[in-house]
C-alpha atoms as a PDB file:
ATOM      1  CA  UNK A   1      -5.002 -13.353  10.230  1.00  0.00           C
ATOM      2  CA  UNK A   2      -1.572 -11.907  12.149  1.00  0.00           C
ATOM      3  CA  UNK A   3      -0.261  -8.479  11.921  1.00  0.00           C
ATOM      4  CA  UNK A   4       3.064 -10.868  11.898  1.00  0.00           C
ATOM      5  CA  UNK A   5       2.235 -12.534   9.008  1.00  0.00           C
ATOM      6  CA  UNK A   6       1.391  -8.836   6.487  1.00  0.00           C
ATOM      7  CA  UNK A   7       4.248  -6.969   4.986  1.00  0.00           C
ATOM      8  CA  UNK A   8       5.275  -3.810   7.381  1.00  0.00           C
ATOM      9  CA  UNK A   9       4.635  -1.760   3.664  1.00  0.00           C
ATOM     10  CA  UNK A  10       0.810  -3.261   4.196  1.00  0.00           C
ATOM     11  CA  UNK A  11       0.438  -1.166   7.296  1.00  0.00           C
ATOM     12  CA  UNK A  12       1.286   2.116   5.877  1.00  0.00           C
ATOM     13  CA  UNK A  13      -1.329   1.081   3.236  1.00  0.00           C
ATOM     14  CA  UNK A  14      -3.152   4.592   1.526  1.00  0.00           C
ATOM     15  CA  UNK A  15      -6.159   2.182   1.622  1.00  0.00           C
ATOM     16  CA  UNK A  16      -6.287   1.716   4.913  1.00  0.00           C
ATOM     17  CA  UNK A  17      -7.953   4.908   6.313  1.00  0.00           C
ATOM     18  CA  UNK A  18      -6.650   8.297   8.516  1.00  0.00           C
ATOM     19  CA  UNK A  19      -8.411   6.296  11.519  1.00  0.00           C
ATOM     20  CA  UNK A  20      -6.188   3.221  12.306  1.00  0.00           C
ATOM     21  CA  UNK A  21      -3.730   5.293  13.513  1.00  0.00           C
ATOM     22  CA  UNK A  22      -2.764   7.562  16.592  1.00  0.00           C
ATOM     23  CA  UNK A  23      -1.185  10.435  14.713  1.00  0.00           C
ATOM     24  CA  UNK A  24      -1.373  12.108  11.566  1.00  0.00           C
ATOM     25  CA  UNK A  25       1.342  11.103   9.631  1.00  0.00           C
ATOM     26  CA  UNK A  26      -0.138   7.553  10.064  1.00  0.00           C
ATOM     27  CA  UNK A  27       3.456   6.591  11.510  1.00  0.00           C
ATOM     28  CA  UNK A  28       1.560   3.954  14.946  1.00  0.00           C
ATOM     29  CA  UNK A  29      -0.775   2.423  14.270  1.00  0.00           C
ATOM     30  CA  UNK A  30      -3.722   2.258  16.216  1.00  0.00           C
ATOM     31  CA  UNK A  31      -5.019  -0.385  17.667  1.00  0.00           C
ATOM     32  CA  UNK A  32      -7.522  -0.300  19.743  1.00  0.00           C
ATOM     33  CA  UNK A  33     -10.469  -2.506  19.940  1.00  0.00           C
ATOM     34  CA  UNK A  34     -12.792   0.633  17.174  1.00  0.00           C
ATOM     35  CA  UNK A  35      -9.728   1.217  14.997  1.00  0.00           C
ATOM     36  CA  UNK A  36      -8.402  -2.526  14.849  1.00  0.00           C
ATOM     37  CA  UNK A  37     -12.145  -3.428  13.757  1.00  0.00           C
ATOM     38  CA  UNK A  38     -11.473  -0.995  11.016  1.00  0.00           C
ATOM     39  CA  UNK A  39      -8.712  -2.689   9.745  1.00  0.00           C
ATOM     40  CA  UNK A  40      -9.843  -6.253   9.510  1.00  0.00           C
ATOM     41  CA  UNK A  41     -12.337  -5.131   7.376  1.00  0.00           C
ATOM     42  CA  UNK A  42      -9.391  -4.757   5.418  1.00  0.00           C
ATOM     43  CA  UNK A  43      -7.610  -7.422   6.014  1.00  0.00           C
ATOM     44  CA  UNK A  44      -8.334  -9.923   3.083  1.00  0.00           C
ATOM     45  CA  UNK A  45      -7.543  -7.100   0.144  1.00  0.00           C
ATOM     46  CA  UNK A  46      -4.886  -5.999   1.549  1.00  0.00           C
ATOM     47  CA  UNK A  47      -3.364  -9.680   1.822  1.00  0.00           C
ATOM     48  CA  UNK A  48      -4.605  -9.709  -2.398  1.00  0.00           C
ATOM     49  CA  UNK A  49      -2.721  -6.867  -2.664  1.00  0.00           C
ATOM     50  CA  UNK A  50       0.935  -7.899  -0.438  1.00  0.00           C
ATOM     51  CA  UNK A  51       0.810 -12.080  -0.457  1.00  0.00           C
ATOM     52  CA  UNK A  52       3.797 -12.202  -1.844  1.00  0.00           C
ATOM     53  CA  UNK A  53       5.845 -10.380   0.696  1.00  0.00           C
ATOM     54  CA  UNK A  54       3.531 -12.435   3.345  1.00  0.00           C
ATOM     55  CA  UNK A  55       5.983 -14.485   5.815  1.00  0.00           C
ATOM     56  CA  UNK A  56       4.619 -18.347   5.570  1.00  0.00           C
ATOM     57  CA  UNK A  57       2.781 -19.922   7.383  1.00  0.00           C
ATOM     58  CA  UNK A  58       3.873 -22.936   9.384  1.00  0.00           C
ATOM     59  CA  UNK A  59       2.206 -26.528  10.220  1.00  0.00           C
ATOM     60  CA  UNK A  60       4.117 -27.470  12.690  1.00  0.00           C
ATOM     61  CA  UNK A  61       6.309 -25.375  16.177  1.00  0.00           C
ATOM     62  CA  UNK A  62       8.263 -27.235  17.499  1.00  0.00           C
ATOM     63  CA  UNK A  63      10.286 -25.375  20.602  1.00  0.00           C
ATOM     64  CA  UNK A  64      13.977 -26.531  21.834  1.00  0.00           C
ATOM     65  CA  UNK A  65      13.575 -27.351  26.248  1.00  0.00           C
END
């Protein structure tokens, strides 16, 4: 699931380990491979917890050119 579907508050949830952040104050998310693999394990739990705040999923997209 893409990050942009999760609401912003999900990325600061206390269940996400500190290793998923670059700094000690949990202000910058670490997008390196090991961090993302740890985060990926939590995505189903975060999805369920924040399902009311998640954005919808499109089935089609029309781009005007």
